[in-house]
Amino acid sequence: MKSKKLSIPYIIWMLVFTMIPLVMICISAFTNKYGSFSLEPFQKAFEHTGVFTKSLWIAFISTLICLVLSYPLAYMITKMKPSSQRTVIMLLMIPMWMNFLLRIYAWIILLQDNGPVDQVMSFFGIHGKYINNTGAVIVGMVYEYLPFMVLPIYTVMSKIDGGLIEAAQDLGSNGFDVFRRIVFPLSIPGIISGITMVFVPSASTFLVAQYLGGNDDKMIGDVIESYFMTDQNMASALSLVLMVFIFVFLVIMNLFGDEEAIA
């Protein structure tokens, strides 16, 4: 009974700041500007299928790059001394203390024409445009969300029983077999958590593409923001469709997690 009473503030918080806004979005999505029931907002929303597809594609590529970079990094961190592990984790977290927009501005300075990246690449005879394109958006996304991939993988890896690895080595397993049979399977829950924590915000983010991307790199979060002040019904419909995509993704990730737990 006491635990139920302690949960009341959290229930109120969820009700006021999650459920009520969600209900309001649903009502707005299924009505027109006159307040009457209508599917017109969804008809307009599906005119932006291309933006949805590109947003999901950029989120997928960004998540994949984060995974490729984070997995070996997390593995190397677990092999360090405890004091060194804390230092590296702190270095990964320090940029997160800075304002999101300031971090984007930093990349604008780095990638702009005649900026540091352009000058270094020009020194080696490589000329190109490093901003206002899809590549710059992906770079910005990877930078923003890399810690969200590293931390869950590192947390799971750091809890792997070293006795299992020693037993496998004693039985004649080489380094690759130990990784393939023990380290990787046991780290899959961290991978699933990392993918979820990176893909979901990447698919729904805005501002990154506005500042680092070109005219064809608009993401669905930017479209929702642009319509919010002029057509809240359509913005609500776009938000609801995006929530459905994210919900399906989370269900799929949970299924993978359940299968791994059973295995």
C-alpha atoms as a PDB file:
ATOM      1  CA  MET A   1       0.000   0.000   0.000  1.00  0.00           C
ATOM      2  CA  LYS A   2       2.830   2.384   0.843  1.00  0.00           C
ATOM      3  CA  SER A   3       4.516   1.760  -2.495  1.00  0.00           C
ATOM      4  CA  LYS A   4       1.247   2.566  -4.280  1.00  0.00           C
ATOM      5  CA  LYS A   5       1.028   5.904  -2.455  1.00  0.00           C
ATOM      6  CA  LEU A   6       4.620   6.714  -3.423  1.00  0.00           C
ATOM      7  CA  SER A   7       3.763   6.120  -7.083  1.00  0.00           C
ATOM      8  CA  ILE A   8       0.926   8.686  -7.068  1.00  0.00           C
ATOM      9  CA  PRO A   9       3.184  11.706  -7.915  1.00  0.00           C
ATOM     10  CA  TYR A  10       4.619   9.819 -10.895  1.00  0.00           C
ATOM     11  CA  ILE A  11       1.155   8.851 -12.097  1.00  0.00           C
ATOM     12  CA  ILE A  12       0.040  12.484 -11.864  1.00  0.00           C
ATOM     13  CA  TRP A  13       3.181  13.577 -13.733  1.00  0.00           C
ATOM     14  CA  MET A  14       2.544  11.056 -16.535  1.00  0.00           C
ATOM     15  CA  LEU A  15      -1.103  12.057 -16.726  1.00  0.00           C
ATOM     16  CA  VAL A  16      -0.487  15.824 -16.903  1.00  0.00           C
ATOM     17  CA  PHE A  17       2.640  15.911 -19.060  1.00  0.00           C
ATOM     18  CA  THR A  18       2.246  12.791 -21.230  1.00  0.00           C
ATOM     19  CA  MET A  19      -1.295  11.455 -21.530  1.00  0.00           C
ATOM     20  CA  ILE A  20      -3.200  14.742 -21.711  1.00  0.00           C
ATOM     21  CA  PRO A  21      -0.883  16.253 -24.393  1.00  0.00           C
ATOM     22  CA  LEU A  22      -1.097  12.977 -26.345  1.00  0.00           C
ATOM     23  CA  VAL A  23      -4.886  13.049 -26.250  1.00  0.00           C
ATOM     24  CA  MET A  24      -4.845  16.692 -27.381  1.00  0.00           C
ATOM     25  CA  ILE A  25      -2.577  15.786 -30.319  1.00  0.00           C
ATOM     26  CA  CYS A  26      -4.921  12.938 -31.307  1.00  0.00           C
ATOM     27  CA  ILE A  27      -7.968  15.228 -31.168  1.00  0.00           C
ATOM     28  CA  SER A  28      -6.201  17.898 -33.215  1.00  0.00           C
ATOM     29  CA  ALA A  29      -5.017  15.340 -35.777  1.00  0.00           C
ATOM     30  CA  PHE A  30      -8.558  14.122 -36.458  1.00  0.00           C
ATOM     31  CA  THR A  31     -10.173  17.558 -36.763  1.00  0.00           C
ATOM     32  CA  ASN A  32      -9.954  20.414 -39.251  1.00  0.00           C
ATOM     33  CA  LYS A  33      -9.442  24.091 -38.549  1.00  0.00           C
ATOM     34  CA  TYR A  34     -13.171  24.454 -37.821  1.00  0.00           C
ATOM     35  CA  GLY A  35     -13.060  21.789 -35.083  1.00  0.00           C
ATOM     36  CA  SER A  36     -15.024  19.205 -37.081  1.00  0.00           C
ATOM     37  CA  PHE A  37     -13.959  15.581 -37.512  1.00  0.00           C
ATOM     38  CA  SER A  38     -11.826  15.237 -40.616  1.00  0.00           C
ATOM     39  CA  LEU A  39      -9.105  13.057 -42.147  1.00  0.00           C
ATOM     40  CA  GLU A  40      -7.818  15.957 -44.202  1.00  0.00           C
ATOM     41  CA  PRO A  41      -4.785  16.503 -41.892  1.00  0.00           C
ATOM     42  CA  PHE A  42      -3.660  12.916 -42.581  1.00  0.00           C
ATOM     43  CA  GLN A  43      -4.187  13.360 -46.318  1.00  0.00           C
ATOM     44  CA  LYS A  44      -1.881  16.366 -46.192  1.00  0.00           C
ATOM     45  CA  ALA A  45       0.536  14.542 -43.914  1.00  0.00           C
ATOM     46  CA  PHE A  46       1.000  11.682 -46.365  1.00  0.00           C
ATOM     47  CA  GLU A  47       2.037  14.205 -49.004  1.00  0.00           C
ATOM     48  CA  HIS A  48       5.324  14.295 -47.071  1.00  0.00           C
ATOM     49  CA  THR A  49       6.103  10.593 -47.539  1.00  0.00           C
ATOM     50  CA  GLY A  50       9.438  11.485 -49.111  1.00  0.00           C
ATOM     51  CA  VAL A  51      10.451  13.481 -46.040  1.00  0.00           C
ATOM     52  CA  PHE A  52       9.429  10.595 -43.792  1.00  0.00           C
ATOM     53  CA  THR A  53      11.488   8.172 -45.863  1.00  0.00           C
ATOM     54  CA  LYS A  54      14.560  10.401 -45.873  1.00  0.00           C
ATOM     55  CA  SER A  55      14.274  11.061 -42.135  1.00  0.00           C
ATOM     56  CA  LEU A  56      14.150   7.337 -41.385  1.00  0.00           C
ATOM     57  CA  TRP A  57      17.035   6.692 -43.792  1.00  0.00           C
ATOM     58  CA  ILE A  58      19.255   9.357 -42.207  1.00  0.00           C
ATOM     59  CA  ALA A  59      18.334   8.051 -38.748  1.00  0.00           C
ATOM     60  CA  PHE A  60      19.225   4.502 -39.845  1.00  0.00           C
ATOM     61  CA  ILE A  61      22.612   5.519 -41.284  1.00  0.00           C
ATOM     62  CA  SER A  62      23.407   7.651 -38.231  1.00  0.00           C
ATOM     63  CA  THR A  63      22.480   4.796 -35.890  1.00  0.00           C
ATOM     64  CA  LEU A  64      24.581   2.321 -37.872  1.00  0.00           C
ATOM     65  CA  ILE A  65      27.643   4.602 -37.789  1.00  0.00           C
ATOM     66  CA  CYS A  66      27.161   5.178 -34.053  1.00  0.00           C
ATOM     67  CA  LEU A  67      27.049   1.414 -33.510  1.00  0.00           C
ATOM     68  CA  VAL A  68      30.193   0.778 -35.593  1.00  0.00           C
ATOM     69  CA  LEU A  69      32.093   3.473 -33.692  1.00  0.00           C
ATOM     70  CA  SER A  70      30.679   2.756 -30.244  1.00  0.00           C
ATOM     71  CA  TYR A  71      31.052  -0.998 -29.980  1.00  0.00           C
ATOM     72  CA  PRO A  72      34.864  -1.184 -30.216  1.00  0.00           C
ATOM     73  CA  LEU A  73      35.161   1.988 -28.130  1.00  0.00           C
ATOM     74  CA  ALA A  74      32.988   0.526 -25.369  1.00  0.00           C
ATOM     75  CA  TYR A  75      34.991  -2.710 -25.504  1.00  0.00           C
ATOM     76  CA  MET A  76      38.290  -0.839 -25.185  1.00  0.00           C
ATOM     77  CA  ILE A  77      36.968   1.196 -22.255  1.00  0.00           C
ATOM     78  CA  THR A  78      36.100  -1.988 -20.352  1.00  0.00           C
ATOM     79  CA  LYS A  79      39.734  -3.108 -20.712  1.00  0.00           C
ATOM     80  CA  MET A  80      41.075   0.047 -19.048  1.00  0.00           C
ATOM     81  CA  LYS A  81      41.797   0.596 -15.378  1.00  0.00           C
ATOM     82  CA  PRO A  82      38.727   1.746 -13.369  1.00  0.00           C
ATOM     83  CA  SER A  83      40.147   5.263 -12.983  1.00  0.00           C
ATOM     84  CA  SER A  84      40.790   5.500 -16.731  1.00  0.00           C
ATOM     85  CA  GLN A  85      37.272   4.221 -17.451  1.00  0.00           C
ATOM     86  CA  ARG A  86      35.744   6.980 -15.348  1.00  0.00           C
ATOM     87  CA  THR A  87      37.904   9.584 -17.107  1.00  0.00           C
ATOM     88  CA  VAL A  88      36.920   8.428 -20.599  1.00  0.00           C
ATOM     89  CA  ILE A  89      33.221   8.271 -19.699  1.00  0.00           C
ATOM     90  CA  MET A  90      33.481  11.788 -18.275  1.00  0.00           C
ATOM     91  CA  LEU A  91      35.092  13.027 -21.496  1.00  0.00           C
ATOM     92  CA  LEU A  92      32.233  11.498 -23.464  1.00  0.00           C
ATOM     93  CA  MET A  93      29.655  13.190 -21.250  1.00  0.00           C
ATOM     94  CA  ILE A  94      31.209  16.678 -21.047  1.00  0.00           C
ATOM     95  CA  PRO A  95      29.953  17.790 -24.517  1.00  0.00           C
ATOM     96  CA  MET A  96      26.433  16.809 -23.425  1.00  0.00           C
ATOM     97  CA  TRP A  97      26.561  19.516 -20.767  1.00  0.00           C
ATOM     98  CA  MET A  98      26.713  22.129 -23.528  1.00  0.00           C
ATOM     99  CA  ASN A  99      23.567  23.495 -25.141  1.00  0.00           C
ATOM    100  CA  PHE A 100      22.340  21.442 -28.114  1.00  0.00           C
ATOM    101  CA  LEU A 101      22.278  24.460 -30.417  1.00  0.00           C
ATOM    102  CA  LEU A 102      25.813  25.517 -29.476  1.00  0.00           C
ATOM    103  CA  ARG A 103      27.100  22.074 -30.450  1.00  0.00           C
ATOM    104  CA  ILE A 104      25.471  22.475 -33.852  1.00  0.00           C
ATOM    105  CA  TYR A 105      27.045  25.924 -34.268  1.00  0.00           C
ATOM    106  CA  ALA A 106      30.425  24.363 -33.500  1.00  0.00           C
ATOM    107  CA  TRP A 107      29.992  22.003 -36.451  1.00  0.00           C
ATOM    108  CA  ILE A 108      28.914  24.887 -38.694  1.00  0.00           C
ATOM    109  CA  ILE A 109      32.223  26.599 -37.919  1.00  0.00           C
ATOM    110  CA  LEU A 110      34.185  23.401 -38.497  1.00  0.00           C
ATOM    111  CA  LEU A 111      32.496  22.448 -41.785  1.00  0.00           C
ATOM    112  CA  GLN A 112      31.903  25.844 -43.381  1.00  0.00           C
ATOM    113  CA  ASP A 113      33.721  26.927 -46.542  1.00  0.00           C
ATOM    114  CA  ASN A 114      37.304  27.892 -45.674  1.00  0.00           C
ATOM    115  CA  GLY A 115      36.727  26.463 -42.230  1.00  0.00           C
ATOM    116  CA  PRO A 116      39.161  24.177 -40.373  1.00  0.00           C
ATOM    117  CA  VAL A 117      38.015  20.982 -42.125  1.00  0.00           C
ATOM    118  CA  ASP A 118      38.065  22.624 -45.554  1.00  0.00           C
ATOM    119  CA  GLN A 119      41.546  24.049 -44.980  1.00  0.00           C
ATOM    120  CA  VAL A 120      42.980  20.734 -43.760  1.00  0.00           C
ATOM    121  CA  MET A 121      41.506  18.785 -46.671  1.00  0.00           C
ATOM    122  CA  SER A 122      42.660  21.451 -49.157  1.00  0.00           C
ATOM    123  CA  PHE A 123      46.198  21.116 -47.765  1.00  0.00           C
ATOM    124  CA  PHE A 124      46.121  17.479 -48.893  1.00  0.00           C
ATOM    125  CA  GLY A 125      44.695  18.446 -52.269  1.00  0.00           C
ATOM    126  CA  ILE A 126      41.150  17.334 -51.509  1.00  0.00           C
ATOM    127  CA  HIS A 127      38.511  19.910 -52.378  1.00  0.00           C
ATOM    128  CA  GLY A 128      34.807  19.640 -51.667  1.00  0.00           C
ATOM    129  CA  LYS A 129      31.801  21.076 -49.906  1.00  0.00           C
ATOM    130  CA  TYR A 130      31.459  19.822 -46.350  1.00  0.00           C
ATOM    131  CA  ILE A 131      28.300  21.593 -45.221  1.00  0.00           C
ATOM    132  CA  ASN A 132      24.712  21.967 -46.452  1.00  0.00           C
ATOM    133  CA  ASN A 133      24.475  18.343 -47.533  1.00  0.00           C
ATOM    134  CA  THR A 134      23.271  14.996 -46.205  1.00  0.00           C
ATOM    135  CA  GLY A 135      26.764  14.003 -45.089  1.00  0.00           C
ATOM    136  CA  ALA A 136      26.989  17.023 -42.794  1.00  0.00           C
ATOM    137  CA  VAL A 137      23.604  16.156 -41.272  1.00  0.00           C
ATOM    138  CA  ILE A 138      24.756  12.598 -40.564  1.00  0.00           C
ATOM    139  CA  VAL A 139      28.003  13.874 -39.021  1.00  0.00           C
ATOM    140  CA  GLY A 140      26.026  16.189 -36.752  1.00  0.00           C
ATOM    141  CA  MET A 141      23.640  13.394 -35.754  1.00  0.00           C
ATOM    142  CA  VAL A 142      26.464  10.971 -34.989  1.00  0.00           C
ATOM    143  CA  TYR A 143      28.195  13.587 -32.860  1.00  0.00           C
ATOM    144  CA  GLU A 144      25.013  14.412 -30.965  1.00  0.00           C
ATOM    145  CA  TYR A 145      23.938  10.843 -30.210  1.00  0.00           C
ATOM    146  CA  LEU A 146      27.181   8.836 -30.030  1.00  0.00           C
ATOM    147  CA  PRO A 147      27.269   8.867 -26.185  1.00  0.00           C
ATOM    148  CA  PHE A 148      23.759   7.371 -26.125  1.00  0.00           C
ATOM    149  CA  MET A 149      25.141   4.349 -27.988  1.00  0.00           C
ATOM    150  CA  VAL A 150      28.421   4.034 -26.094  1.00  0.00           C
ATOM    151  CA  LEU A 151      27.020   4.159 -22.558  1.00  0.00           C
ATOM    152  CA  PRO A 152      24.492   1.278 -22.687  1.00  0.00           C
ATOM    153  CA  ILE A 153      26.945  -0.988 -24.528  1.00  0.00           C
ATOM    154  CA  TYR A 154      29.709  -0.137 -22.055  1.00  0.00           C
ATOM    155  CA  THR A 155      27.380  -0.700 -19.091  1.00  0.00           C
ATOM    156  CA  VAL A 156      26.404  -4.176 -20.295  1.00  0.00           C
ATOM    157  CA  MET A 157      29.959  -5.134 -21.260  1.00  0.00           C
ATOM    158  CA  SER A 158      31.368  -4.024 -17.910  1.00  0.00           C
ATOM    159  CA  LYS A 159      28.996  -6.451 -16.153  1.00  0.00           C
ATOM    160  CA  ILE A 160      30.109  -9.528 -18.127  1.00  0.00           C
ATOM    161  CA  ASP A 161      31.547 -12.060 -15.712  1.00  0.00           C
ATOM    162  CA  GLY A 162      35.295 -12.270 -16.298  1.00  0.00           C
ATOM    163  CA  GLY A 163      35.181 -15.875 -15.082  1.00  0.00           C
ATOM    164  CA  LEU A 164      33.316 -16.858 -18.241  1.00  0.00           C
ATOM    165  CA  ILE A 165      36.066 -15.416 -20.418  1.00  0.00           C
ATOM    166  CA  GLU A 166      38.799 -17.091 -18.348  1.00  0.00           C
ATOM    167  CA  ALA A 167      36.976 -20.431 -18.500  1.00  0.00           C
ATOM    168  CA  ALA A 168      36.677 -20.182 -22.284  1.00  0.00           C
ATOM    169  CA  GLN A 169      40.374 -19.362 -22.597  1.00  0.00           C
ATOM    170  CA  ASP A 170      41.279 -22.284 -20.324  1.00  0.00           C
ATOM    171  CA  LEU A 171      39.269 -24.559 -22.608  1.00  0.00           C
ATOM    172  CA  GLY A 172      41.358 -23.465 -25.589  1.00  0.00           C
ATOM    173  CA  SER A 173      39.241 -20.713 -27.139  1.00  0.00           C
ATOM    174  CA  ASN A 174      41.201 -18.010 -28.914  1.00  0.00           C
ATOM    175  CA  GLY A 175      40.400 -14.299 -28.688  1.00  0.00           C
ATOM    176  CA  PHE A 176      38.014 -14.358 -31.648  1.00  0.00           C
ATOM    177  CA  ASP A 177      36.069 -17.351 -30.325  1.00  0.00           C
ATOM    178  CA  VAL A 178      35.777 -15.711 -26.888  1.00  0.00           C
ATOM    179  CA  PHE A 179      34.384 -12.575 -28.497  1.00  0.00           C
ATOM    180  CA  ARG A 180      32.030 -14.492 -30.818  1.00  0.00           C
ATOM    181  CA  ARG A 181      30.670 -16.929 -28.247  1.00  0.00           C
ATOM    182  CA  ILE A 182      30.678 -14.878 -25.034  1.00  0.00           C
ATOM    183  CA  VAL A 183      31.307 -11.138 -25.327  1.00  0.00           C
ATOM    184  CA  PHE A 184      29.117 -10.364 -28.325  1.00  0.00           C
ATOM    185  CA  PRO A 185      26.051 -12.467 -27.325  1.00  0.00           C
ATOM    186  CA  LEU A 186      26.097 -11.073 -23.792  1.00  0.00           C
ATOM    187  CA  SER A 187      26.420  -7.497 -25.076  1.00  0.00           C
ATOM    188  CA  ILE A 188      23.369  -7.700 -27.371  1.00  0.00           C
ATOM    189  CA  PRO A 189      20.984  -6.145 -24.765  1.00  0.00           C
ATOM    190  CA  GLY A 190      23.271  -3.101 -24.645  1.00  0.00           C
ATOM    191  CA  ILE A 191      23.317  -2.932 -28.443  1.00  0.00           C
ATOM    192  CA  ILE A 192      19.518  -3.038 -28.581  1.00  0.00           C
ATOM    193  CA  SER A 193      19.246  -0.318 -25.929  1.00  0.00           C
ATOM    194  CA  GLY A 194      21.807   1.825 -27.760  1.00  0.00           C
ATOM    195  CA  ILE A 195      20.047   1.433 -31.116  1.00  0.00           C
ATOM    196  CA  THR A 196      16.745   2.433 -29.529  1.00  0.00           C
ATOM    197  CA  MET A 197      18.247   5.444 -27.738  1.00  0.00           C
ATOM    198  CA  VAL A 198      19.875   6.702 -30.947  1.00  0.00           C
ATOM    199  CA  PHE A 199      17.345   5.857 -33.661  1.00  0.00           C
ATOM    200  CA  VAL A 200      14.257   7.263 -31.921  1.00  0.00           C
ATOM    201  CA  PRO A 201      15.599  10.809 -31.319  1.00  0.00           C
ATOM    202  CA  SER A 202      17.443  10.779 -34.667  1.00  0.00           C
ATOM    203  CA  ALA A 203      14.222  10.095 -36.561  1.00  0.00           C
ATOM    204  CA  SER A 204      12.320  12.863 -34.786  1.00  0.00           C
ATOM    205  CA  THR A 205      15.009  15.505 -34.314  1.00  0.00           C
ATOM    206  CA  PHE A 206      14.964  18.961 -35.851  1.00  0.00           C
ATOM    207  CA  LEU A 207      17.420  21.885 -36.199  1.00  0.00           C
ATOM    208  CA  VAL A 208      20.346  19.616 -37.187  1.00  0.00           C
ATOM    209  CA  ALA A 209      19.177  19.416 -40.807  1.00  0.00           C
ATOM    210  CA  GLN A 210      18.184  23.100 -40.785  1.00  0.00           C
ATOM    211  CA  TYR A 211      21.709  24.240 -39.933  1.00  0.00           C
ATOM    212  CA  LEU A 212      23.885  21.538 -41.494  1.00  0.00           C
ATOM    213  CA  GLY A 213      21.762  20.238 -44.364  1.00  0.00           C
ATOM    214  CA  GLY A 214      20.781  21.549 -47.766  1.00  0.00           C
ATOM    215  CA  ASN A 215      17.391  22.303 -49.262  1.00  0.00           C
ATOM    216  CA  ASP A 216      16.732  18.590 -49.877  1.00  0.00           C
ATOM    217  CA  ASP A 217      17.745  17.463 -46.382  1.00  0.00           C
ATOM    218  CA  LYS A 218      14.680  18.575 -44.454  1.00  0.00           C
ATOM    219  CA  MET A 219      13.623  16.050 -41.806  1.00  0.00           C
ATOM    220  CA  ILE A 220      10.163  15.298 -40.497  1.00  0.00           C
ATOM    221  CA  GLY A 221      10.856  17.089 -37.216  1.00  0.00           C
ATOM    222  CA  ASP A 222      11.621  20.270 -39.175  1.00  0.00           C
ATOM    223  CA  VAL A 223       8.380  19.903 -41.154  1.00  0.00           C
ATOM    224  CA  ILE A 224       6.342  19.486 -37.946  1.00  0.00           C
ATOM    225  CA  GLU A 225       7.976  22.575 -36.460  1.00  0.00           C
ATOM    226  CA  SER A 226       7.327  24.650 -39.598  1.00  0.00           C
ATOM    227  CA  TYR A 227       3.627  23.722 -39.660  1.00  0.00           C
ATOM    228  CA  PHE A 228       3.003  24.041 -35.933  1.00  0.00           C
ATOM    229  CA  MET A 229       2.373  27.808 -35.986  1.00  0.00           C
ATOM    230  CA  THR A 230       0.314  27.801 -39.201  1.00  0.00           C
ATOM    231  CA  ASP A 231      -1.549  24.477 -39.288  1.00  0.00           C
ATOM    232  CA  GLN A 232      -1.628  22.683 -35.945  1.00  0.00           C
ATOM    233  CA  ASN A 233      -3.997  20.019 -37.254  1.00  0.00           C
ATOM    234  CA  MET A 234      -1.545  18.903 -39.912  1.00  0.00           C
ATOM    235  CA  ALA A 235       1.382  19.192 -37.486  1.00  0.00           C
ATOM    236  CA  SER A 236      -0.536  16.952 -35.081  1.00  0.00           C
ATOM    237  CA  ALA A 237      -1.245  14.420 -37.836  1.00  0.00           C
ATOM    238  CA  LEU A 238       2.441  14.344 -38.794  1.00  0.00           C
ATOM    239  CA  SER A 239       3.379  13.903 -35.138  1.00  0.00           C
ATOM    240  CA  LEU A 240       0.908  11.048 -34.739  1.00  0.00           C
ATOM    241  CA  VAL A 241       2.204   9.247 -37.834  1.00  0.00           C
ATOM    242  CA  LEU A 242       5.760   9.667 -36.565  1.00  0.00           C
ATOM    243  CA  MET A 243       4.741   8.286 -33.166  1.00  0.00           C
ATOM    244  CA  VAL A 244       3.283   5.218 -34.886  1.00  0.00           C
ATOM    245  CA  PHE A 245       6.568   4.638 -36.751  1.00  0.00           C
ATOM    246  CA  ILE A 246       8.521   4.991 -33.509  1.00  0.00           C
ATOM    247  CA  PHE A 247       6.087   2.719 -31.637  1.00  0.00           C
ATOM    248  CA  VAL A 248       6.482  -0.014 -34.274  1.00  0.00           C
ATOM    249  CA  PHE A 249      10.260   0.340 -34.061  1.00  0.00           C
ATOM    250  CA  LEU A 250      10.190   0.026 -30.258  1.00  0.00           C
ATOM    251  CA  VAL A 251       7.984  -3.077 -30.487  1.00  0.00           C
ATOM    252  CA  ILE A 252      10.454  -4.672 -32.905  1.00  0.00           C
ATOM    253  CA  MET A 253      13.398  -3.821 -30.632  1.00  0.00           C
ATOM    254  CA  ASN A 254      11.545  -5.262 -27.623  1.00  0.00           C
ATOM    255  CA  LEU A 255      10.890  -8.471 -29.546  1.00  0.00           C
ATOM    256  CA  PHE A 256      14.600  -8.805 -30.260  1.00  0.00           C
ATOM    257  CA  GLY A 257      15.331  -8.146 -26.599  1.00  0.00           C
ATOM    258  CA  ASP A 258      12.810 -10.784 -25.472  1.00  0.00           C
ATOM    259  CA  GLU A 259      14.245 -13.377 -27.866  1.00  0.00           C
ATOM    260  CA  GLU A 260      17.737 -12.706 -26.536  1.00  0.00           C
ATOM    261  CA  ALA A 261      16.534 -13.002 -22.949  1.00  0.00           C
ATOM    262  CA  ILE A 262      14.897 -16.348 -23.741  1.00  0.00           C
ATOM    263  CA  ALA A 263      18.038 -17.569 -25.509  1.00  0.00           C
END
